[in-house]
Amino acid sequence: MEGKALTERLRQWPVSLKNYVQELQMEMRRVTWPNRKQVQATTVVVIVSVFAFAAYFAVVDSIVARAITRVFDFFAK
């Protein structure tokens, strides 16, 4: 019984693959792609955001590191 099901699935594989590729092509035709100006604008937003978050986390990390160091120094005495 398992052999028949596997054989049937193997026979259907090329048909399934063809259907998948056709559906993929149809779906890609429906996609609205951003123009160059939109891509540049969103890229700038992403880069600025990354640097802003990096600066924020650097400050927070520095504050937390100092606090932990002070706690350790307090208990080490």
PDB file of N, CA and C in Angstrom:
ATOM      1  N   MET A   1       0.834  -1.198   0.000  1.00  0.00           N
ATOM      2  CA  MET A   1       0.000   0.000   0.000  1.00  0.00           C
ATOM      3  C   MET A   1       0.873   1.253   0.000  1.00  0.00           C
ATOM      4  N   GLU A   2       1.911   1.252   0.836  1.00  0.00           N
ATOM      5  CA  GLU A   2       2.798   2.417   0.893  1.00  0.00           C
ATOM      6  C   GLU A   2       3.552   2.596  -0.416  1.00  0.00           C
ATOM      7  N   GLY A   3       3.937   1.516  -1.049  1.00  0.00           N
ATOM      8  CA  GLY A   3       4.662   1.581  -2.314  1.00  0.00           C
ATOM      9  C   GLY A   3       3.845   2.233  -3.411  1.00  0.00           C
ATOM     10  N   LYS A   4       2.545   1.925  -3.440  1.00  0.00           N
ATOM     11  CA  LYS A   4       1.660   2.519  -4.450  1.00  0.00           C
ATOM     12  C   LYS A   4       1.512   4.018  -4.231  1.00  0.00           C
ATOM     13  N   ALA A   5       1.352   4.413  -2.969  1.00  0.00           N
ATOM     14  CA  ALA A   5       1.185   5.835  -2.670  1.00  0.00           C
ATOM     15  C   ALA A   5       2.451   6.597  -3.039  1.00  0.00           C
ATOM     16  N   LEU A   6       3.592   6.024  -2.744  1.00  0.00           N
ATOM     17  CA  LEU A   6       4.858   6.676  -3.078  1.00  0.00           C
ATOM     18  C   LEU A   6       5.029   6.764  -4.589  1.00  0.00           C
ATOM     19  N   THR A   7       4.715   5.699  -5.277  1.00  0.00           N
ATOM     20  CA  THR A   7       4.825   5.691  -6.742  1.00  0.00           C
ATOM     21  C   THR A   7       3.905   6.738  -7.355  1.00  0.00           C
ATOM     22  N   GLU A   8       2.682   6.831  -6.835  1.00  0.00           N
ATOM     23  CA  GLU A   8       1.719   7.818  -7.349  1.00  0.00           C
ATOM     24  C   GLU A   8       2.223   9.235  -7.103  1.00  0.00           C
ATOM     25  N   ARG A   9       2.767   9.472  -5.911  1.00  0.00           N
ATOM     26  CA  ARG A   9       3.301  10.809  -5.600  1.00  0.00           C
ATOM     27  C   ARG A   9       4.475  11.147  -6.504  1.00  0.00           C
ATOM     28  N   LEU A  10       5.308  10.162  -6.793  1.00  0.00           N
ATOM     29  CA  LEU A  10       6.447  10.412  -7.687  1.00  0.00           C
ATOM     30  C   LEU A  10       5.982  10.710  -9.106  1.00  0.00           C
ATOM     31  N   ARG A  11       4.899  10.073  -9.539  1.00  0.00           N
ATOM     32  CA  ARG A  11       4.362  10.342 -10.880  1.00  0.00           C
ATOM     33  C   ARG A  11       3.747  11.737 -10.963  1.00  0.00           C
ATOM     34  N   GLN A  12       3.136  12.183  -9.868  1.00  0.00           N
ATOM     35  CA  GLN A  12       2.474  13.487  -9.841  1.00  0.00           C
ATOM     36  C   GLN A  12       3.456  14.634  -9.636  1.00  0.00           C
ATOM     37  N   TRP A  13       4.682  14.333  -9.246  1.00  0.00           N
ATOM     38  CA  TRP A  13       5.654  15.374  -8.924  1.00  0.00           C
ATOM     39  C   TRP A  13       5.901  16.354 -10.072  1.00  0.00           C
ATOM     40  N   PRO A  14       6.149  15.887 -11.293  1.00  0.00           N
ATOM     41  CA  PRO A  14       6.362  16.863 -12.388  1.00  0.00           C
ATOM     42  C   PRO A  14       5.148  17.758 -12.633  1.00  0.00           C
ATOM     43  N   VAL A  15       3.960  17.195 -12.518  1.00  0.00           N
ATOM     44  CA  VAL A  15       2.738  17.979 -12.725  1.00  0.00           C
ATOM     45  C   VAL A  15       2.608  19.023 -11.619  1.00  0.00           C
ATOM     46  N   SER A  16       2.867  18.610 -10.382  1.00  0.00           N
ATOM     47  CA  SER A  16       2.789  19.539  -9.251  1.00  0.00           C
ATOM     48  C   SER A  16       3.810  20.662  -9.401  1.00  0.00           C
ATOM     49  N   LEU A  17       5.003  20.315  -9.823  1.00  0.00           N
ATOM     50  CA  LEU A  17       6.046  21.322 -10.014  1.00  0.00           C
ATOM     51  C   LEU A  17       5.650  22.310 -11.105  1.00  0.00           C
ATOM     52  N   LYS A  18       5.107  21.801 -12.204  1.00  0.00           N
ATOM     53  CA  LYS A  18       4.665  22.672 -13.303  1.00  0.00           C
ATOM     54  C   LYS A  18       3.575  23.627 -12.826  1.00  0.00           C
ATOM     55  N   ASN A  19       2.599  23.097 -12.073  1.00  0.00           N
ATOM     56  CA  ASN A  19       1.522  23.942 -11.548  1.00  0.00           C
ATOM     57  C   ASN A  19       2.070  25.012 -10.606  1.00  0.00           C
ATOM     58  N   TYR A  20       3.004  24.615  -9.771  1.00  0.00           N
ATOM     59  CA  TYR A  20       3.612  25.569  -8.838  1.00  0.00           C
ATOM     60  C   TYR A  20       4.297  26.710  -9.586  1.00  0.00           C
ATOM     61  N   VAL A  21       5.085  26.372 -10.606  1.00  0.00           N
ATOM     62  CA  VAL A  21       5.802  27.393 -11.372  1.00  0.00           C
ATOM     63  C   VAL A  21       4.818  28.311 -12.094  1.00  0.00           C
ATOM     64  N   GLN A  22       3.761  27.753 -12.652  1.00  0.00           N
ATOM     65  CA  GLN A  22       2.756  28.580 -13.332  1.00  0.00           C
ATOM     66  C   GLN A  22       2.073  29.540 -12.360  1.00  0.00           C
ATOM     67  N   GLU A  23       1.710  29.029 -11.180  1.00  0.00           N
ATOM     68  CA  GLU A  23       1.072  29.885 -10.177  1.00  0.00           C
ATOM     69  C   GLU A  23       2.043  30.963  -9.677  1.00  0.00           C
ATOM     70  N   LEU A  24       3.291  30.590  -9.551  1.00  0.00           N
ATOM     71  CA  LEU A  24       4.309  31.549  -9.126  1.00  0.00           C
ATOM     72  C   LEU A  24       4.459  32.674 -10.152  1.00  0.00           C
ATOM     73  N   GLN A  25       4.510  32.318 -11.414  1.00  0.00           N
ATOM     74  CA  GLN A  25       4.616  33.331 -12.467  1.00  0.00           C
ATOM     75  C   GLN A  25       3.401  34.244 -12.472  1.00  0.00           C
ATOM     76  N   MET A  26       2.213  33.665 -12.293  1.00  0.00           N
ATOM     77  CA  MET A  26       0.993  34.468 -12.270  1.00  0.00           C
ATOM     78  C   MET A  26       1.023  35.445 -11.081  1.00  0.00           C
ATOM     79  N   GLU A  27       1.454  34.955  -9.940  1.00  0.00           N
ATOM     80  CA  GLU A  27       1.497  35.801  -8.748  1.00  0.00           C
ATOM     81  C   GLU A  27       2.543  36.914  -8.898  1.00  0.00           C
ATOM     82  N   MET A  28       3.666  36.613  -9.516  1.00  0.00           N
ATOM     83  CA  MET A  28       4.718  37.621  -9.700  1.00  0.00           C
ATOM     84  C   MET A  28       4.277  38.724 -10.664  1.00  0.00           C
ATOM     85  N   ARG A  29       3.368  38.419 -11.576  1.00  0.00           N
ATOM     86  CA  ARG A  29       2.837  39.453 -12.471  1.00  0.00           C
ATOM     87  C   ARG A  29       1.962  40.442 -11.706  1.00  0.00           C
ATOM     88  N   ARG A  30       1.365  39.989 -10.598  1.00  0.00           N
ATOM     89  CA  ARG A  30       0.489  40.846  -9.799  1.00  0.00           C
ATOM     90  C   ARG A  30       1.253  41.752  -8.835  1.00  0.00           C
ATOM     91  N   VAL A  31       2.506  41.466  -8.633  1.00  0.00           N
ATOM     92  CA  VAL A  31       3.294  42.234  -7.673  1.00  0.00           C
ATOM     93  C   VAL A  31       3.520  43.643  -8.204  1.00  0.00           C
ATOM     94  N   THR A  32       3.357  44.627  -7.325  1.00  0.00           N
ATOM     95  CA  THR A  32       3.704  46.000  -7.702  1.00  0.00           C
ATOM     96  C   THR A  32       5.057  46.308  -7.078  1.00  0.00           C
ATOM     97  N   TRP A  33       6.018  46.531  -7.918  1.00  0.00           N
ATOM     98  CA  TRP A  33       7.382  46.749  -7.466  1.00  0.00           C
ATOM     99  C   TRP A  33       7.600  48.232  -7.186  1.00  0.00           C
ATOM    100  N   PRO A  34       8.345  48.563  -6.148  1.00  0.00           N
ATOM    101  CA  PRO A  34       8.622  49.973  -5.859  1.00  0.00           C
ATOM    102  C   PRO A  34       9.580  50.545  -6.902  1.00  0.00           C
ATOM    103  N   ASN A  35       9.442  51.855  -7.114  1.00  0.00           N
ATOM    104  CA  ASN A  35      10.363  52.478  -8.056  1.00  0.00           C
ATOM    105  C   ASN A  35      11.682  52.806  -7.334  1.00  0.00           C
ATOM    106  N   ARG A  36      12.652  53.289  -8.090  1.00  0.00           N
ATOM    107  CA  ARG A  36      13.982  53.543  -7.538  1.00  0.00           C
ATOM    108  C   ARG A  36      13.949  54.558  -6.394  1.00  0.00           C
ATOM    109  N   LYS A  37      13.147  55.600  -6.543  1.00  0.00           N
ATOM    110  CA  LYS A  37      13.060  56.645  -5.526  1.00  0.00           C
ATOM    111  C   LYS A  37      12.518  56.076  -4.205  1.00  0.00           C
ATOM    112  N   GLN A  38      11.507  55.228  -4.286  1.00  0.00           N
ATOM    113  CA  GLN A  38      10.941  54.608  -3.084  1.00  0.00           C
ATOM    114  C   GLN A  38      11.964  53.694  -2.399  1.00  0.00           C
ATOM    115  N   VAL A  39      12.690  52.939  -3.198  1.00  0.00           N
ATOM    116  CA  VAL A  39      13.699  52.036  -2.635  1.00  0.00           C
ATOM    117  C   VAL A  39      14.792  52.837  -1.935  1.00  0.00           C
ATOM    118  N   GLN A  40      15.241  53.912  -2.561  1.00  0.00           N
ATOM    119  CA  GLN A  40      16.278  54.736  -1.942  1.00  0.00           C
ATOM    120  C   GLN A  40      15.782  55.355  -0.644  1.00  0.00           C
ATOM    121  N   ALA A  41      14.552  55.840  -0.642  1.00  0.00           N
ATOM    122  CA  ALA A  41      14.008  56.476   0.561  1.00  0.00           C
ATOM    123  C   ALA A  41      13.885  55.471   1.705  1.00  0.00           C
ATOM    124  N   THR A  42      13.364  54.311   1.433  1.00  0.00           N
ATOM    125  CA  THR A  42      13.216  53.323   2.501  1.00  0.00           C
ATOM    126  C   THR A  42      14.572  52.790   2.954  1.00  0.00           C
ATOM    127  N   THR A  43      15.533  52.712   2.053  1.00  0.00           N
ATOM    128  CA  THR A  43      16.872  52.277   2.438  1.00  0.00           C
ATOM    129  C   THR A  43      17.503  53.277   3.388  1.00  0.00           C
ATOM    130  N   VAL A  44      17.333  54.551   3.102  1.00  0.00           N
ATOM    131  CA  VAL A  44      17.873  55.587   3.993  1.00  0.00           C
ATOM    132  C   VAL A  44      17.214  55.486   5.370  1.00  0.00           C
ATOM    133  N   VAL A  45      15.913  55.285   5.400  1.00  0.00           N
ATOM    134  CA  VAL A  45      15.207  55.146   6.680  1.00  0.00           C
ATOM    135  C   VAL A  45      15.750  53.957   7.461  1.00  0.00           C
ATOM    136  N   VAL A  46      15.960  52.853   6.810  1.00  0.00           N
ATOM    137  CA  VAL A  46      16.473  51.662   7.487  1.00  0.00           C
ATOM    138  C   VAL A  46      17.884  51.906   8.030  1.00  0.00           C
ATOM    139  N   ILE A  47      18.749  52.493   7.226  1.00  0.00           N
ATOM    140  CA  ILE A  47      20.128  52.737   7.665  1.00  0.00           C
ATOM    141  C   ILE A  47      20.159  53.704   8.841  1.00  0.00           C
ATOM    142  N   VAL A  48      19.392  54.781   8.771  1.00  0.00           N
ATOM    143  CA  VAL A  48      19.337  55.749   9.874  1.00  0.00           C
ATOM    144  C   VAL A  48      18.787  55.086  11.131  1.00  0.00           C
ATOM    145  N   SER A  49      17.759  54.277  10.969  1.00  0.00           N
ATOM    146  CA  SER A  49      17.175  53.581  12.121  1.00  0.00           C
ATOM    147  C   SER A  49      18.172  52.623  12.766  1.00  0.00           C
ATOM    148  N   VAL A  50      18.910  51.917  11.961  1.00  0.00           N
ATOM    149  CA  VAL A  50      19.912  50.980  12.497  1.00  0.00           C
ATOM    150  C   VAL A  50      20.949  51.729  13.318  1.00  0.00           C
ATOM    151  N   PHE A  51      21.455  52.846  12.798  1.00  0.00           N
ATOM    152  CA  PHE A  51      22.448  53.619  13.543  1.00  0.00           C
ATOM    153  C   PHE A  51      21.843  54.242  14.802  1.00  0.00           C
ATOM    154  N   ALA A  52      20.590  54.689  14.739  1.00  0.00           N
ATOM    155  CA  ALA A  52      19.946  55.256  15.921  1.00  0.00           C
ATOM    156  C   ALA A  52      19.779  54.198  17.008  1.00  0.00           C
ATOM    157  N   PHE A  53      19.317  53.021  16.635  1.00  0.00           N
ATOM    158  CA  PHE A  53      19.167  51.951  17.623  1.00  0.00           C
ATOM    159  C   PHE A  53      20.524  51.507  18.156  1.00  0.00           C
ATOM    160  N   ALA A  54      21.533  51.464  17.306  1.00  0.00           N
ATOM    161  CA  ALA A  54      22.872  51.086  17.758  1.00  0.00           C
ATOM    162  C   ALA A  54      23.377  52.087  18.800  1.00  0.00           C
ATOM    163  N   ALA A  55      23.182  53.363  18.553  1.00  0.00           N
ATOM    164  CA  ALA A  55      23.612  54.388  19.514  1.00  0.00           C
ATOM    165  C   ALA A  55      22.829  54.254  20.811  1.00  0.00           C
ATOM    166  N   TYR A  56      21.527  54.048  20.712  1.00  0.00           N
ATOM    167  CA  TYR A  56      20.691  53.890  21.909  1.00  0.00           C
ATOM    168  C   TYR A  56      21.160  52.696  22.748  1.00  0.00           C
ATOM    169  N   PHE A  57      21.367  51.562  22.100  1.00  0.00           N
ATOM    170  CA  PHE A  57      21.786  50.376  22.841  1.00  0.00           C
ATOM    171  C   PHE A  57      23.205  50.517  23.384  1.00  0.00           C
ATOM    172  N   ALA A  58      24.060  51.255  22.702  1.00  0.00           N
ATOM    173  CA  ALA A  58      25.402  51.498  23.234  1.00  0.00           C
ATOM    174  C   ALA A  58      25.326  52.306  24.522  1.00  0.00           C
ATOM    175  N   VAL A  59      24.464  53.312  24.549  1.00  0.00           N
ATOM    176  CA  VAL A  59      24.304  54.127  25.760  1.00  0.00           C
ATOM    177  C   VAL A  59      23.712  53.288  26.887  1.00  0.00           C
ATOM    178  N   VAL A  60      22.668  52.540  26.588  1.00  0.00           N
ATOM    179  CA  VAL A  60      22.045  51.699  27.615  1.00  0.00           C
ATOM    180  C   VAL A  60      23.030  50.651  28.119  1.00  0.00           C
ATOM    181  N   ASP A  61      23.776  50.046  27.226  1.00  0.00           N
ATOM    182  CA  ASP A  61      24.765  49.052  27.622  1.00  0.00           C
ATOM    183  C   ASP A  61      25.823  49.666  28.532  1.00  0.00           C
ATOM    184  N   SER A  62      26.266  50.853  28.204  1.00  0.00           N
ATOM    185  CA  SER A  62      27.270  51.536  29.022  1.00  0.00           C
ATOM    186  C   SER A  62      26.728  51.819  30.425  1.00  0.00           C
ATOM    187  N   ILE A  63      25.497  52.290  30.509  1.00  0.00           N
ATOM    188  CA  ILE A  63      24.879  52.588  31.807  1.00  0.00           C
ATOM    189  C   ILE A  63      24.729  51.313  32.638  1.00  0.00           C
ATOM    190  N   VAL A  64      24.233  50.254  32.027  1.00  0.00           N
ATOM    191  CA  VAL A  64      24.048  48.998  32.741  1.00  0.00           C
ATOM    192  C   VAL A  64      25.399  48.419  33.173  1.00  0.00           C
ATOM    193  N   ALA A  65      26.394  48.500  32.323  1.00  0.00           N
ATOM    194  CA  ALA A  65      27.728  47.992  32.668  1.00  0.00           C
ATOM    195  C   ALA A  65      28.301  48.752  33.862  1.00  0.00           C
ATOM    196  N   ARG A  66      28.154  50.071  33.876  1.00  0.00           N
ATOM    197  CA  ARG A  66      28.639  50.864  35.023  1.00  0.00           C
ATOM    198  C   ARG A  66      27.893  50.483  36.294  1.00  0.00           C
ATOM    199  N   ALA A  67      26.577  50.309  36.202  1.00  0.00           N
ATOM    200  CA  ALA A  67      25.784  49.945  37.375  1.00  0.00           C
ATOM    201  C   ALA A  67      26.217  48.578  37.917  1.00  0.00           C
ATOM    202  N   ILE A  68      26.408  47.624  37.053  1.00  0.00           N
ATOM    203  CA  ILE A  68      26.837  46.290  37.490  1.00  0.00           C
ATOM    204  C   ILE A  68      28.226  46.353  38.113  1.00  0.00           C
ATOM    205  N   THR A  69      29.121  47.127  37.504  1.00  0.00           N
ATOM    206  CA  THR A  69      30.464  47.271  38.059  1.00  0.00           C
ATOM    207  C   THR A  69      30.406  47.889  39.456  1.00  0.00           C
ATOM    208  N   ARG A  70      29.575  48.894  39.634  1.00  0.00           N
ATOM    209  CA  ARG A  70      29.430  49.520  40.955  1.00  0.00           C
ATOM    210  C   ARG A  70      28.874  48.539  41.976  1.00  0.00           C
ATOM    211  N   VAL A  71      27.905  47.737  41.582  1.00  0.00           N
ATOM    212  CA  VAL A  71      27.346  46.738  42.501  1.00  0.00           C
ATOM    213  C   VAL A  71      28.417  45.726  42.889  1.00  0.00           C
ATOM    214  N   PHE A  72      29.175  45.250  41.936  1.00  0.00           N
ATOM    215  CA  PHE A  72      30.247  44.289  42.242  1.00  0.00           C
ATOM    216  C   PHE A  72      31.304  44.917  43.127  1.00  0.00           C
ATOM    217  N   ASP A  73      31.677  46.165  42.825  1.00  0.00           N
ATOM    218  CA  ASP A  73      32.666  46.848  43.655  1.00  0.00           C
ATOM    219  C   ASP A  73      32.153  47.054  45.075  1.00  0.00           C
ATOM    220  N   PHE A  74      30.878  47.363  45.227  1.00  0.00           N
ATOM    221  CA  PHE A  74      30.278  47.567  46.543  1.00  0.00           C
ATOM    222  C   PHE A  74      30.353  46.293  47.384  1.00  0.00           C
ATOM    223  N   PHE A  75      30.031  45.147  46.765  1.00  0.00           N
ATOM    224  CA  PHE A  75      30.026  43.898  47.502  1.00  0.00           C
ATOM    225  C   PHE A  75      31.420  43.298  47.640  1.00  0.00           C
ATOM    226  N   ALA A  76      32.372  43.736  46.821  1.00  0.00           N
ATOM    227  CA  ALA A  76      33.734  43.206  46.881  1.00  0.00           C
ATOM    228  C   ALA A  76      34.512  43.795  48.052  1.00  0.00           C
ATOM    229  N   LYS A  77      34.076  44.927  48.571  1.00  0.00           N
ATOM    230  CA  LYS A  77      34.798  45.590  49.676  1.00  0.00           C
ATOM    231  C   LYS A  77      34.539  44.936  50.979  1.00  0.00           C
TER     232      LYS A  77
END
